[in-house]
Every structure is written in C-alpha cells, then in structure tokens.
Amino acid sequence: MQNTKQIPEPSQCEPAKYEYKKSSYADIYDVLQSLRRDEVLCDIKLETDNGGVIFGHKVVLASASPYFHAMFTNFSEKNQDLVTIRQLDYSALQLLIDFIYSGKISITETNVQILLPASNLLQLQEVKNACCDFLQAQLCPTNVIGINDLADLHSCTTLLTSSEFYIQQHYLDVVEEEEFLSLSSEQMVKLISSDELTASSEEKIFESVIRWVKHDLDSRKQMLPQLMEHVRLPLTSKDYILKNVVDEPLLLNCSKCKDYVFEALRFRLLKSEELITIPHNIRTKPRQPGGTHKVILVAGGLGINHSILNSTEWYDPKINKWQYGPKMITPSLGGGLAVVNDNCLLYLGGRNTESIFQSVHGLDLTSESPRWKPTYDMLVAVMANIF
C-alpha cells in the first residue's frame, strides 16, 4: 500500500549565530597574579627609592593606570625592563600593583597616608576615591586639619570641602587640639573670616586667635592686625571687652588692633537709636552658619500720634535688638515689602494723608551706607489693606 503522507519541504534557515559572554574575569586575574608572583612572562621590574623591586607585565599595568600607559607607550621606559619610581613608598606600590591584578585593596589608618599620594601619582582614581571616602568617615577634631592639608595637597576636592565644613561646624572642639596650632597664616585668616564659622560666642573666636598667635609669637605677631580685622569684637559683651580685651598685651602693642577695640567699645556704648541700621563692616555683622542671616524689617507705618512715619527699623534675633535704619524718601503707610535675592528690599506703593502712591523704592542691603533710592514706578497706584 502506498504511503500518501506528505513530507514537508525543509524551510530556508538564517545563518546560525550564538554569542557567549564570560560572566567573570576573576579567573584571568588569578592567573595573571600567579604569573606575576612566579615572575613568569614578566617584562618590567619596578624599583622604589628604598630598594624594593616589584615584577609586572607592561600591558596589564598600562591597561589599568594612565600613568603606566603613558610611561610604556610614549616615553623611554617602553624599551626598558627596569624602571625606578621616585618618591613612592615600596609598600604603597606593592598594594597598588596587587590591586591592579586583583581588583581588591584594604585601606587602613596605617596605610591611607601613603596610599592616597601613591594612587594620585599612578592615576588610580578608584583607589584615590576610596581613600577619600575612608578619610571622610574618620573626620574628628584631632585629625581634621591634617586631613584637610592632605586633601588640599592631592587635589581631593570633595574631601577638602567636607573637611573645611567640619572645621567650621566643630570649631570650638578643633581649636582645643594641637593640630590647630599648626595652621598656616593663610589658613587662619580664611577660617576666621568665614561667615560659616560656628561658635557659641565671638569671645571664643577671639581667644583662639590670641592662642594661635602666642604659640609662635615671633613669626605670627605681624599677622595679628589682619586676624583682628575679622574678629567680630563689637558682638562681644561690654564687660568681656573691658575685662579680657582692653588689657591684652598683644593688642596694646598694636595700634591697628587698638582701633578695633575702640570700635567695639563705641558700638557697645552707643544708644540703639544712634547705631547704623545695616552692619557696615564685617566686624559688626553676625556670622551666618548654615545659611543666610535673617532679620525682621519694617518700613513706614502709623505712629502713636497717628502721624505717618518715614522710619525703617530692623530686628536682629542674633543680638536680640531693634535698630534704626535709613529714613524713607517719603513717609508712607500700607505699602508692600518684597525681598530680592536676600540682598535688595523693595517698598511698593503705600499712601500718605493726601494720596496713594505708585512709586517703588529700593534699599540695597549689601551697601556699606544703605539708603532708599527711587526705582521705576508701577503702572497703577496701590496700597495694602489696613485693618
């Protein structure tokens, strides 16, 4: 009997293709590390100043480090089998070469001081970042200045910023440590002049300046006027100035410093209505750790005898005091107030006994002698509701 079942024709197939990707290169690293330790197929020896020698493979080192890549492709070392690495500790180089071959490294308080500069030199950014992260986690009053110096020396931007912020935020603890006395003149001026400096009182900052200067009096006493320029003595109490500042020998022997003391006394002895409204120099301006210094400001209004006022007053919670500001151009009641970029105040509209205004006046809070100035008028006259 004949088989009538049809056998299908073979279909047209696409060329076969199968891609396989190795999931891990750990085995290759292990082999390369084994070859290096057995000094097999090695084509380079790295020697440090203290005589230590480390074997390696140029292609492996060049693939991991831009420093070695440039050395073995563009410079005379590409034809050498022994290269001396200057100013590099043998143990640091050993750890970094092990990292290149294994992808692992242990950072400790003992070795981080040599690993950071070494990884910076060899341009091993991963290790450099790991060192910075380690030091960031170790910040404390006893070591922050040393870490700040290390970060500055090796261009560790993030660590530099965070260590500077730590010093500002923990200033009173930092100044009690020996590291504080090692600050350079430039560092001290930068620190004392910062608005971000956090201290319970300006008295403590003054005392830290005197302590720093006395630590090396011969070389630092000429820095005292520059430092005292940024100590905000007017914000200390009158009693403190009279008991602890006036008779300080270092200040008595410095005419510029005595001027700052007299300025502080005048500031404390003047009646509040005689004080200039907006602080006109750095020494009468409270520090602003954590952000912009906030004040409460009022302009114009209705007096107790129902007269319309042209006064400006502001309250500073840091010194718990109201102070008078520059008088307005025109007495006004019911105007609007607006602050622009935390440094410019606008007074809009308002009225007097005769009419409603469409004027806009501005006050530049950053000026040393702030005063109200006219700006562009509004399209219509307006005033706020008065209840």
Protein backbone atom coordinates (compact mmCIF):
# COMPACT_ATOMS: atom_id res chain seq x y z
CA MET A 1 0.00 0.00 0.00
CA GLN A 2 1.43 3.39 -0.95
CA ASN A 3 2.23 5.90 1.80
CA THR A 4 0.40 9.09 0.90
CA LYS A 5 1.63 11.20 3.87
CA GLN A 6 3.39 14.35 2.66
CA ILE A 7 6.85 15.12 3.98
CA PRO A 8 7.30 18.90 4.46
CA GLU A 9 9.94 20.69 2.49
CA PRO A 10 12.86 21.95 4.60
CA SER A 11 12.44 25.67 5.37
CA GLN A 12 15.02 28.28 4.46
CA CYS A 13 17.13 28.92 7.67
CA GLU A 14 19.02 32.04 8.67
CA PRO A 15 22.77 31.57 9.33
CA ALA A 16 23.15 30.40 12.91
CA LYS A 17 24.75 32.68 15.46
CA TYR A 18 25.29 32.24 19.22
CA GLU A 19 27.04 34.81 21.39
CA TYR A 20 28.64 33.87 24.70
CA LYS A 21 29.97 36.41 27.17
CA LYS A 22 32.20 35.42 30.03
CA SER A 23 30.45 36.40 33.23
CA SER A 24 33.57 36.97 35.30
CA TYR A 25 37.20 37.80 34.68
CA ALA A 26 38.26 36.70 38.15
CA ASP A 27 39.92 33.55 36.78
CA ILE A 28 42.02 35.60 34.38
CA TYR A 29 43.06 37.96 37.19
CA ASP A 30 44.04 34.97 39.32
CA VAL A 31 46.22 33.58 36.53
CA LEU A 32 47.88 36.93 35.87
CA GLN A 33 48.56 37.40 39.57
CA SER A 34 50.03 33.89 39.77
CA LEU A 35 52.27 34.59 36.77
CA ARG A 36 53.47 37.83 38.33
CA ARG A 37 54.26 36.25 41.68
CA ASP A 38 56.18 33.45 39.95
CA GLU A 39 57.93 36.06 37.77
CA VAL A 40 56.70 34.30 34.64
CA LEU A 41 56.35 36.29 31.36
CA CYS A 42 57.09 39.49 33.29
CA ASP A 43 58.62 42.21 31.15
CA ILE A 44 59.04 45.00 33.70
CA LYS A 45 60.56 45.48 37.13
CA LEU A 46 59.57 48.50 39.20
CA GLU A 47 62.10 49.69 41.76
CA THR A 48 61.39 52.23 44.50
CA ASP A 49 63.83 54.64 46.15
CA ASN A 50 64.21 52.35 49.17
CA GLY A 51 65.36 49.44 47.01
CA GLY A 52 62.22 47.33 46.78
CA VAL A 53 61.55 45.63 43.42
CA ILE A 54 58.16 44.56 42.07
CA PHE A 55 57.67 42.44 38.92
CA GLY A 56 54.86 43.03 36.46
CA HIS A 57 53.55 42.94 32.89
CA LYS A 58 53.57 46.20 30.97
CA VAL A 59 50.31 45.50 29.19
CA VAL A 60 48.48 44.78 32.45
CA LEU A 61 49.82 47.89 34.19
CA ALA A 62 49.14 50.09 31.17
CA SER A 63 45.56 48.84 30.91
CA ALA A 64 44.77 49.94 34.49
CA SER A 65 46.82 53.10 35.04
CA PRO A 66 47.07 56.14 32.72
CA TYR A 67 50.44 56.80 34.37
CA PHE A 68 51.84 53.43 33.28
CA HIS A 69 50.08 53.68 29.92
CA ALA A 70 51.94 56.90 29.13
CA MET A 71 55.20 55.50 30.51
CA PHE A 72 55.15 52.32 28.41
CA THR A 73 53.87 53.85 25.17
CA ASN A 74 55.28 57.37 24.89
CA PHE A 75 58.47 57.53 26.93
CA SER A 76 61.85 55.86 27.00
CA GLU A 77 60.72 53.35 29.66
CA LYS A 78 58.82 51.40 26.98
CA ASN A 79 62.14 49.85 25.95
CA GLN A 80 63.41 49.23 29.47
CA ASP A 81 62.87 46.25 31.73
CA LEU A 82 63.78 48.10 34.94
CA VAL A 83 62.19 51.41 35.92
CA THR A 84 62.76 53.39 39.12
CA ILE A 85 59.62 55.01 40.54
CA ARG A 86 60.78 58.04 42.51
CA GLN A 87 59.14 59.37 45.68
CA LEU A 88 56.91 56.33 46.07
CA ASP A 89 56.85 54.07 49.11
CA TYR A 90 57.52 50.40 48.33
CA SER A 91 54.63 49.11 50.44
CA ALA A 92 52.21 51.52 48.78
CA LEU A 93 53.37 50.48 45.30
CA GLN A 94 53.04 46.82 46.27
CA LEU A 95 49.46 47.35 47.43
CA LEU A 96 48.54 49.24 44.28
CA ILE A 97 50.09 46.68 41.92
CA ASP A 98 48.21 43.95 43.81
CA PHE A 99 45.03 46.00 43.28
CA ILE A 100 45.66 46.22 39.53
CA TYR A 101 46.00 42.42 39.35
CA SER A 102 43.24 41.52 41.82
CA GLY A 103 40.78 44.42 41.95
CA LYS A 104 40.96 44.40 45.77
CA ILE A 105 42.70 46.61 48.31
CA SER A 106 42.43 47.16 52.08
CA ILE A 107 42.67 50.75 53.33
CA THR A 108 43.56 51.32 56.97
CA GLU A 109 44.52 54.18 59.25
CA THR A 110 48.12 52.98 58.90
CA ASN A 111 48.39 52.89 55.11
CA VAL A 112 45.97 55.57 53.91
CA GLN A 113 48.64 58.27 54.34
CA ILE A 114 50.83 56.57 51.73
CA LEU A 115 48.08 55.13 49.53
CA LEU A 116 46.43 58.47 48.79
CA PRO A 117 49.53 60.18 47.31
CA ALA A 118 50.60 56.97 45.55
CA SER A 119 47.20 56.41 43.92
CA ASN A 120 47.14 60.06 42.91
CA LEU A 121 50.55 59.69 41.25
CA LEU A 122 49.63 56.49 39.39
CA GLN A 123 46.21 57.99 38.49
CA LEU A 124 44.28 55.10 40.01
CA GLN A 125 41.16 57.16 40.59
CA GLU A 126 39.16 54.33 42.16
CA VAL A 127 41.71 53.87 44.91
CA LYS A 128 42.09 57.61 45.39
CA ASN A 129 38.31 57.95 45.80
CA ALA A 130 38.26 55.02 48.24
CA CYS A 131 40.99 56.69 50.32
CA CYS A 132 38.99 59.92 50.39
CA ASP A 133 35.84 58.07 51.45
CA PHE A 134 37.79 56.36 54.22
CA LEU A 135 39.23 59.65 55.49
CA GLN A 136 35.83 61.30 55.26
CA ALA A 137 34.44 58.69 57.64
CA GLN A 138 37.34 59.24 60.06
CA LEU A 139 36.98 63.02 60.46
CA CYS A 140 37.22 64.18 64.08
CA PRO A 141 38.62 67.24 65.90
CA THR A 142 42.02 65.58 66.43
CA ASN A 143 42.74 64.85 62.74
CA VAL A 144 40.57 67.10 60.59
CA ILE A 145 43.24 69.74 59.95
CA GLY A 146 45.77 67.10 58.86
CA ILE A 147 43.17 65.51 56.57
CA ASN A 148 42.33 68.93 55.17
CA ASP A 149 46.00 69.52 54.36
CA LEU A 150 46.25 66.09 52.71
CA ALA A 151 43.14 66.75 50.62
CA ASP A 152 44.48 70.12 49.51
CA LEU A 153 47.89 68.68 48.59
CA HIS A 154 46.44 65.92 46.40
CA SER A 155 43.51 67.83 44.87
CA CYS A 156 40.77 65.83 46.62
CA THR A 157 38.05 68.41 46.04
CA THR A 158 35.17 66.70 47.83
CA LEU A 159 37.26 65.76 50.86
CA LEU A 160 38.70 69.28 51.01
CA THR A 161 35.23 70.82 51.07
CA SER A 162 33.87 68.40 53.67
CA SER A 163 36.89 68.81 55.98
CA GLU A 164 36.66 72.60 55.76
CA PHE A 165 32.96 72.39 56.62
CA TYR A 166 33.75 70.08 59.55
CA ILE A 167 36.30 72.57 60.93
CA GLN A 168 33.75 75.39 60.67
CA GLN A 169 30.98 73.38 62.31
CA HIS A 170 33.15 71.99 65.14
CA TYR A 171 35.43 74.98 65.60
CA LEU A 172 35.39 75.07 69.39
CA ASP A 173 36.45 71.42 69.56
CA VAL A 174 39.09 71.77 66.83
CA VAL A 175 40.83 74.73 68.49
CA GLU A 176 41.49 72.64 71.59
CA GLU A 177 43.69 70.21 69.64
CA GLU A 178 47.40 70.56 68.87
CA GLU A 179 46.75 70.46 65.12
CA PHE A 180 45.02 73.83 65.35
CA LEU A 181 48.29 75.49 66.34
CA SER A 182 49.91 74.23 63.12
CA LEU A 183 47.55 76.16 60.84
CA SER A 184 49.31 78.45 58.40
CA SER A 185 48.66 82.19 58.42
CA GLU A 186 46.64 81.90 55.21
CA GLN A 187 44.51 79.10 56.65
CA MET A 188 43.90 81.03 59.86
CA VAL A 189 42.77 84.18 58.07
CA LYS A 190 40.47 82.18 55.78
CA LEU A 191 38.95 80.39 58.76
CA ILE A 192 38.44 83.43 60.99
CA SER A 193 36.90 85.46 58.15
CA SER A 194 34.28 82.81 57.34
CA ASP A 195 30.63 83.62 57.96
CA GLU A 196 30.06 79.86 58.33
CA LEU A 197 32.20 79.58 61.46
CA THR A 198 30.11 78.12 64.27
CA ALA A 199 30.90 79.15 67.85
CA SER A 200 28.82 79.74 70.94
CA SER A 201 30.23 83.27 71.16
CA GLU A 202 32.65 85.58 69.40
CA GLU A 203 34.66 85.63 72.65
CA LYS A 204 35.80 82.07 71.95
CA ILE A 205 36.98 83.03 68.49
CA PHE A 206 38.96 85.96 69.90
CA GLU A 207 40.61 83.66 72.45
CA SER A 208 41.56 81.14 69.77
CA VAL A 209 43.24 83.87 67.73
CA ILE A 210 45.32 85.01 70.70
CA ARG A 211 46.28 81.39 71.48
CA TRP A 212 47.35 80.74 67.88
CA VAL A 213 49.48 83.90 67.74
CA LYS A 214 51.17 83.24 71.08
CA HIS A 215 52.14 79.71 70.00
CA ASP A 216 54.77 81.20 67.68
CA LEU A 217 54.83 84.82 68.72
CA ASP A 218 57.93 85.97 66.82
CA SER A 219 56.66 84.91 63.39
CA ARG A 220 52.93 85.37 63.93
CA LYS A 221 52.56 88.67 65.78
CA GLN A 222 52.65 90.61 62.50
CA MET A 223 49.51 88.69 61.46
CA LEU A 224 47.50 89.97 64.43
CA PRO A 225 46.04 93.10 62.72
CA GLN A 226 44.86 91.02 59.77
CA LEU A 227 43.28 88.45 62.07
CA MET A 228 41.65 91.02 64.37
CA GLU A 229 40.09 92.63 61.30
CA HIS A 230 37.87 89.53 61.11
CA VAL A 231 37.21 89.03 64.84
CA ARG A 232 33.78 90.49 65.48
CA LEU A 233 34.59 92.21 68.74
CA PRO A 234 31.57 94.55 68.59
CA LEU A 235 29.39 91.46 69.01
CA THR A 236 31.02 90.52 72.32
CA SER A 237 29.72 91.95 75.58
CA LYS A 238 30.93 95.23 77.02
CA ASP A 239 32.05 93.50 80.21
CA TYR A 240 34.11 90.97 78.25
CA ILE A 241 35.84 93.72 76.28
CA LEU A 242 36.70 95.65 79.43
CA LYS A 243 37.88 92.59 81.39
CA ASN A 244 39.62 90.48 78.72
CA VAL A 245 40.37 92.56 75.64
CA VAL A 246 41.36 96.08 76.65
CA ASP A 247 44.37 94.96 78.68
CA GLU A 248 45.58 92.17 76.39
CA PRO A 249 49.32 92.94 75.91
CA LEU A 250 49.36 91.83 72.27
CA LEU A 251 46.66 94.37 71.41
CA LEU A 252 48.17 97.18 73.46
CA ASN A 253 51.33 96.94 71.37
CA CYS A 254 49.45 97.12 68.07
CA SER A 255 47.90 100.45 67.07
CA LYS A 256 45.59 98.92 64.46
CA CYS A 257 44.32 96.37 66.96
CA LYS A 258 43.61 99.13 69.48
CA ASP A 259 41.44 100.80 66.84
CA TYR A 260 39.37 97.62 66.62
CA VAL A 261 38.99 97.56 70.41
CA PHE A 262 37.83 101.20 70.49
CA GLU A 263 35.40 100.44 67.67
CA ALA A 264 33.91 97.60 69.69
CA LEU A 265 33.55 99.78 72.79
CA ARG A 266 31.86 102.55 70.81
CA PHE A 267 29.45 100.02 69.33
CA ARG A 268 28.53 98.76 72.78
CA LEU A 269 28.31 102.17 74.47
CA LEU A 270 26.19 103.94 71.85
CA LYS A 271 22.44 104.03 72.37
CA SER A 272 20.48 101.82 69.99
CA GLU A 273 18.99 104.80 68.12
CA GLU A 274 22.48 106.01 67.28
CA LEU A 275 23.56 102.75 65.65
CA ILE A 276 23.57 102.48 61.89
CA THR A 277 20.82 100.13 60.79
CA ILE A 278 22.58 97.68 58.49
CA PRO A 279 26.01 96.43 59.66
CA HIS A 280 28.51 98.45 57.66
CA ASN A 281 31.59 96.24 58.13
CA ILE A 282 32.44 92.63 58.77
CA ARG A 283 33.05 93.10 62.49
CA THR A 284 29.50 94.23 63.27
CA LYS A 285 27.89 91.56 61.11
CA PRO A 286 26.88 88.36 62.96
CA ARG A 287 28.19 85.13 61.46
CA GLN A 288 25.68 83.11 59.50
CA PRO A 289 26.46 79.40 59.85
CA GLY A 290 24.11 77.24 57.84
CA GLY A 291 22.69 79.91 55.58
CA THR A 292 21.65 83.48 55.08
CA HIS A 293 21.35 85.70 58.14
CA LYS A 294 17.66 86.51 58.63
CA VAL A 295 16.29 89.72 60.15
CA ILE A 296 12.84 91.26 60.54
CA LEU A 297 12.49 94.63 58.81
CA VAL A 298 9.65 97.14 58.96
CA ALA A 299 9.26 100.36 56.97
CA GLY A 300 6.86 103.28 57.42
CA GLY A 301 3.55 102.83 59.19
CA LEU A 302 1.41 104.78 61.62
CA GLY A 303 2.91 106.39 64.71
CA ILE A 304 1.35 106.54 68.19
CA ASN A 305 0.14 110.08 67.48
CA HIS A 306 -1.43 108.90 64.17
CA SER A 307 1.31 110.52 62.13
CA ILE A 308 2.60 108.62 59.07
CA LEU A 309 6.20 107.51 59.55
CA ASN A 310 9.24 107.56 57.28
CA SER A 311 11.34 105.31 59.57
CA THR A 312 12.98 101.96 58.82
CA GLU A 313 13.70 99.54 61.66
CA TRP A 314 15.08 96.03 61.78
CA TYR A 315 15.25 93.35 64.43
CA ASP A 316 18.23 91.00 64.60
CA PRO A 317 17.43 87.84 66.62
CA LYS A 318 21.13 87.05 66.95
CA ILE A 319 21.74 90.10 69.11
CA ASN A 320 18.11 90.46 70.29
CA LYS A 321 17.89 94.14 69.41
CA TRP A 322 15.86 96.52 67.25
CA GLN A 323 17.89 99.11 65.36
CA TYR A 324 17.05 102.14 63.22
CA GLY A 325 17.73 102.17 59.51
CA PRO A 326 17.87 104.87 56.83
CA LYS A 327 14.80 107.04 56.61
CA MET A 328 12.40 106.50 53.72
CA ILE A 329 12.21 109.06 50.92
CA THR A 330 8.57 109.79 51.71
CA PRO A 331 6.50 108.97 54.84
CA SER A 332 4.24 106.10 53.85
CA LEU A 333 1.57 103.80 55.22
CA GLY A 334 0.30 100.49 53.86
CA GLY A 335 2.95 99.80 51.25
CA GLY A 336 4.13 96.34 50.22
CA LEU A 337 7.58 94.93 51.02
CA ALA A 338 9.49 92.45 48.85
CA VAL A 339 12.98 90.94 49.18
CA VAL A 340 15.01 90.13 46.06
CA ASN A 341 17.90 87.60 46.29
CA ASP A 342 18.20 88.21 50.05
CA ASN A 343 20.07 91.47 49.43
CA CYS A 344 17.65 94.02 47.99
CA LEU A 345 14.47 95.35 49.63
CA LEU A 346 11.63 96.94 47.65
CA TYR A 347 8.86 99.12 49.09
CA LEU A 348 5.89 99.28 46.73
CA GLY A 349 3.09 101.82 46.74
CA GLY A 350 1.53 102.92 50.01
CA ARG A 351 -0.12 106.24 50.84
CA ASN A 352 0.08 109.37 52.90
CA THR A 353 -2.73 111.61 54.09
CA GLU A 354 -3.26 113.02 50.61
CA SER A 355 -2.79 110.29 48.01
CA ILE A 356 -1.98 106.68 47.13
CA PHE A 357 1.46 106.09 45.58
CA GLN A 358 2.54 104.12 42.52
CA SER A 359 6.23 104.54 43.36
CA VAL A 360 8.74 101.76 44.09
CA HIS A 361 11.77 102.46 46.31
CA GLY A 362 14.75 100.14 46.73
CA LEU A 363 17.21 99.53 49.58
CA ASP A 364 20.50 97.73 48.82
CA LEU A 365 21.28 95.71 51.95
CA THR A 366 24.83 94.94 50.79
CA SER A 367 25.87 98.60 50.69
CA GLU A 368 28.19 99.95 53.38
CA SER A 369 25.91 103.03 53.62
CA PRO A 370 22.48 101.79 52.62
CA ARG A 371 19.81 104.31 51.71
CA TRP A 372 16.45 104.22 49.98
CA LYS A 373 16.52 105.07 46.27
CA PRO A 374 13.67 105.56 43.78
CA THR A 375 13.21 102.94 41.05
CA TYR A 376 10.63 102.57 38.26
CA ASP A 377 7.05 103.47 39.15
CA MET A 378 4.28 100.89 38.93
CA LEU A 379 1.55 101.18 36.29
CA VAL A 380 -1.07 101.96 38.91
CA ALA A 381 -1.12 103.25 42.48
CA VAL A 382 -1.63 100.53 45.08
CA MET A 383 -1.68 100.05 48.81
CA ALA A 384 -2.21 97.12 51.18
CA ASN A 385 -5.41 96.69 53.12
CA ILE A 386 -5.29 98.36 56.50
CA PHE A 387 -7.46 96.86 59.25
